[in-house]
C-alpha cells in the first residue's frame, strides 16, 4: 500500500498544491508525466530525488481524492 504521508501541503510552495515529500514536485506533475506515457523508471531517471514509493503515493493520493469529486448524473 502506498504511503500518502509522502504527500505534503505547504502554503508557500507551488501555490499550496500537494507536493512530494516537501520537494517542489507536485502530485499533478507526476500524474502529468505518467499520463504523457513516461514510466516510473523514466520519471526517476529524470528526477533522481524521487523514489518509486513517491510515484505510488501520488497515485494513491489522486485515487483517494477522486472519491470526493463531483459526479454528473444522466438526465
C-alpha atoms as a PDB file:
ATOM      1  CA  UNK A   1       0.000   0.000   0.000  1.00  0.00           C
ATOM      2  CA  UNK A   2       1.279   3.478  -0.867  1.00  0.00           C
ATOM      3  CA  UNK A   3       2.310   5.822   1.927  1.00  0.00           C
ATOM      4  CA  UNK A   4       0.300   9.008   1.448  1.00  0.00           C
ATOM      5  CA  UNK A   5       2.339  10.698   4.196  1.00  0.00           C
ATOM      6  CA  UNK A   6       4.877  11.275   1.409  1.00  0.00           C
ATOM      7  CA  UNK A   7       2.478  13.920   0.056  1.00  0.00           C
ATOM      8  CA  UNK A   8       2.872  17.295   1.745  1.00  0.00           C
ATOM      9  CA  UNK A   9       0.974  20.566   1.642  1.00  0.00           C
ATOM     10  CA  UNK A  10       2.807  23.831   2.260  1.00  0.00           C
ATOM     11  CA  UNK A  11       1.033  27.152   1.608  1.00  0.00           C
ATOM     12  CA  UNK A  12       4.145  28.885   0.233  1.00  0.00           C
ATOM     13  CA  UNK A  13       5.279  26.082  -2.046  1.00  0.00           C
ATOM     14  CA  UNK A  14       3.958  25.622  -5.598  1.00  0.00           C
ATOM     15  CA  UNK A  15       0.829  27.604  -4.782  1.00  0.00           C
ATOM     16  CA  UNK A  16      -0.137  25.251  -1.969  1.00  0.00           C
ATOM     17  CA  UNK A  17      -0.531  22.283  -4.314  1.00  0.00           C
ATOM     18  CA  UNK A  18       0.170  18.806  -2.929  1.00  0.00           C
ATOM     19  CA  UNK A  19       3.898  18.081  -3.303  1.00  0.00           C
ATOM     20  CA  UNK A  20       6.097  15.043  -2.888  1.00  0.00           C
ATOM     21  CA  UNK A  21       8.000  14.993   0.444  1.00  0.00           C
ATOM     22  CA  UNK A  22       8.353  18.768   0.574  1.00  0.00           C
ATOM     23  CA  UNK A  23      10.057  18.878  -2.820  1.00  0.00           C
ATOM     24  CA  UNK A  24       8.933  21.326  -5.483  1.00  0.00           C
ATOM     25  CA  UNK A  25       7.473  18.414  -7.469  1.00  0.00           C
ATOM     26  CA  UNK A  26       3.683  18.293  -7.298  1.00  0.00           C
ATOM     27  CA  UNK A  27       1.333  15.346  -7.472  1.00  0.00           C
ATOM     28  CA  UNK A  28      -0.008  16.995 -10.619  1.00  0.00           C
ATOM     29  CA  UNK A  29       3.490  16.964 -12.160  1.00  0.00           C
ATOM     30  CA  UNK A  30       3.879  13.234 -11.524  1.00  0.00           C
ATOM     31  CA  UNK A  31       0.398  12.419 -12.821  1.00  0.00           C
ATOM     32  CA  UNK A  32       1.033  14.505 -15.947  1.00  0.00           C
ATOM     33  CA  UNK A  33       4.267  12.664 -16.663  1.00  0.00           C
ATOM     34  CA  UNK A  34       2.546   9.308 -16.239  1.00  0.00           C
ATOM     35  CA  UNK A  35      -0.350  10.435 -18.454  1.00  0.00           C
ATOM     36  CA  UNK A  36       2.158  11.512 -21.113  1.00  0.00           C
ATOM     37  CA  UNK A  37       3.439   7.948 -21.211  1.00  0.00           C
ATOM     38  CA  UNK A  38       6.514   8.149 -19.008  1.00  0.00           C
ATOM     39  CA  UNK A  39       7.202   5.059 -16.942  1.00  0.00           C
ATOM     40  CA  UNK A  40       8.042   5.368 -13.249  1.00  0.00           C
ATOM     41  CA  UNK A  41      11.614   4.394 -14.137  1.00  0.00           C
ATOM     42  CA  UNK A  42      11.857   7.219 -16.702  1.00  0.00           C
ATOM     43  CA  UNK A  43      10.492   9.734 -14.198  1.00  0.00           C
ATOM     44  CA  UNK A  44      13.019   8.625 -11.574  1.00  0.00           C
ATOM     45  CA  UNK A  45      15.831   8.827 -14.144  1.00  0.00           C
ATOM     46  CA  UNK A  46      14.837  12.434 -14.929  1.00  0.00           C
ATOM     47  CA  UNK A  47      14.146  13.332 -11.278  1.00  0.00           C
ATOM     48  CA  UNK A  48      16.506  11.200  -9.158  1.00  0.00           C
ATOM     49  CA  UNK A  49      15.261  12.846  -5.965  1.00  0.00           C
ATOM     50  CA  UNK A  50      12.041  10.853  -6.462  1.00  0.00           C
ATOM     51  CA  UNK A  51      11.579   7.255  -5.382  1.00  0.00           C
ATOM     52  CA  UNK A  52       9.178   4.652  -6.734  1.00  0.00           C
ATOM     53  CA  UNK A  53       7.207   4.922  -3.479  1.00  0.00           C
ATOM     54  CA  UNK A  54       6.672   8.641  -4.189  1.00  0.00           C
ATOM     55  CA  UNK A  55       5.032   7.830  -7.515  1.00  0.00           C
ATOM     56  CA  UNK A  56       2.796   5.228  -5.888  1.00  0.00           C
ATOM     57  CA  UNK A  57       1.888   7.766  -3.195  1.00  0.00           C
ATOM     58  CA  UNK A  58       0.862  10.268  -5.904  1.00  0.00           C
ATOM     59  CA  UNK A  59      -1.412   7.675  -7.497  1.00  0.00           C
ATOM     60  CA  UNK A  60      -2.934   6.758  -4.129  1.00  0.00           C
ATOM     61  CA  UNK A  61      -3.447  10.439  -3.275  1.00  0.00           C
ATOM     62  CA  UNK A  62      -5.210  11.084  -6.587  1.00  0.00           C
ATOM     63  CA  UNK A  63      -7.380   7.974  -6.236  1.00  0.00           C
ATOM     64  CA  UNK A  64      -8.404   8.936  -2.704  1.00  0.00           C
ATOM     65  CA  UNK A  65      -9.357  12.428  -3.830  1.00  0.00           C
ATOM     66  CA  UNK A  66     -11.421  11.108  -6.735  1.00  0.00           C
ATOM     67  CA  UNK A  67     -13.786   9.662  -4.135  1.00  0.00           C
ATOM     68  CA  UNK A  68     -14.673  13.241  -3.218  1.00  0.00           C
ATOM     69  CA  UNK A  69     -15.137  14.552  -6.754  1.00  0.00           C
ATOM     70  CA  UNK A  70     -18.491  15.608  -8.140  1.00  0.00           C
ATOM     71  CA  UNK A  71     -20.459  13.137 -10.204  1.00  0.00           C
ATOM     72  CA  UNK A  72     -22.618  14.122 -13.141  1.00  0.00           C
ATOM     73  CA  UNK A  73     -25.872  12.214 -13.312  1.00  0.00           C
ATOM     74  CA  UNK A  74     -27.622  11.455 -16.603  1.00  0.00           C
ATOM     75  CA  UNK A  75     -30.903  13.278 -17.070  1.00  0.00           C
END
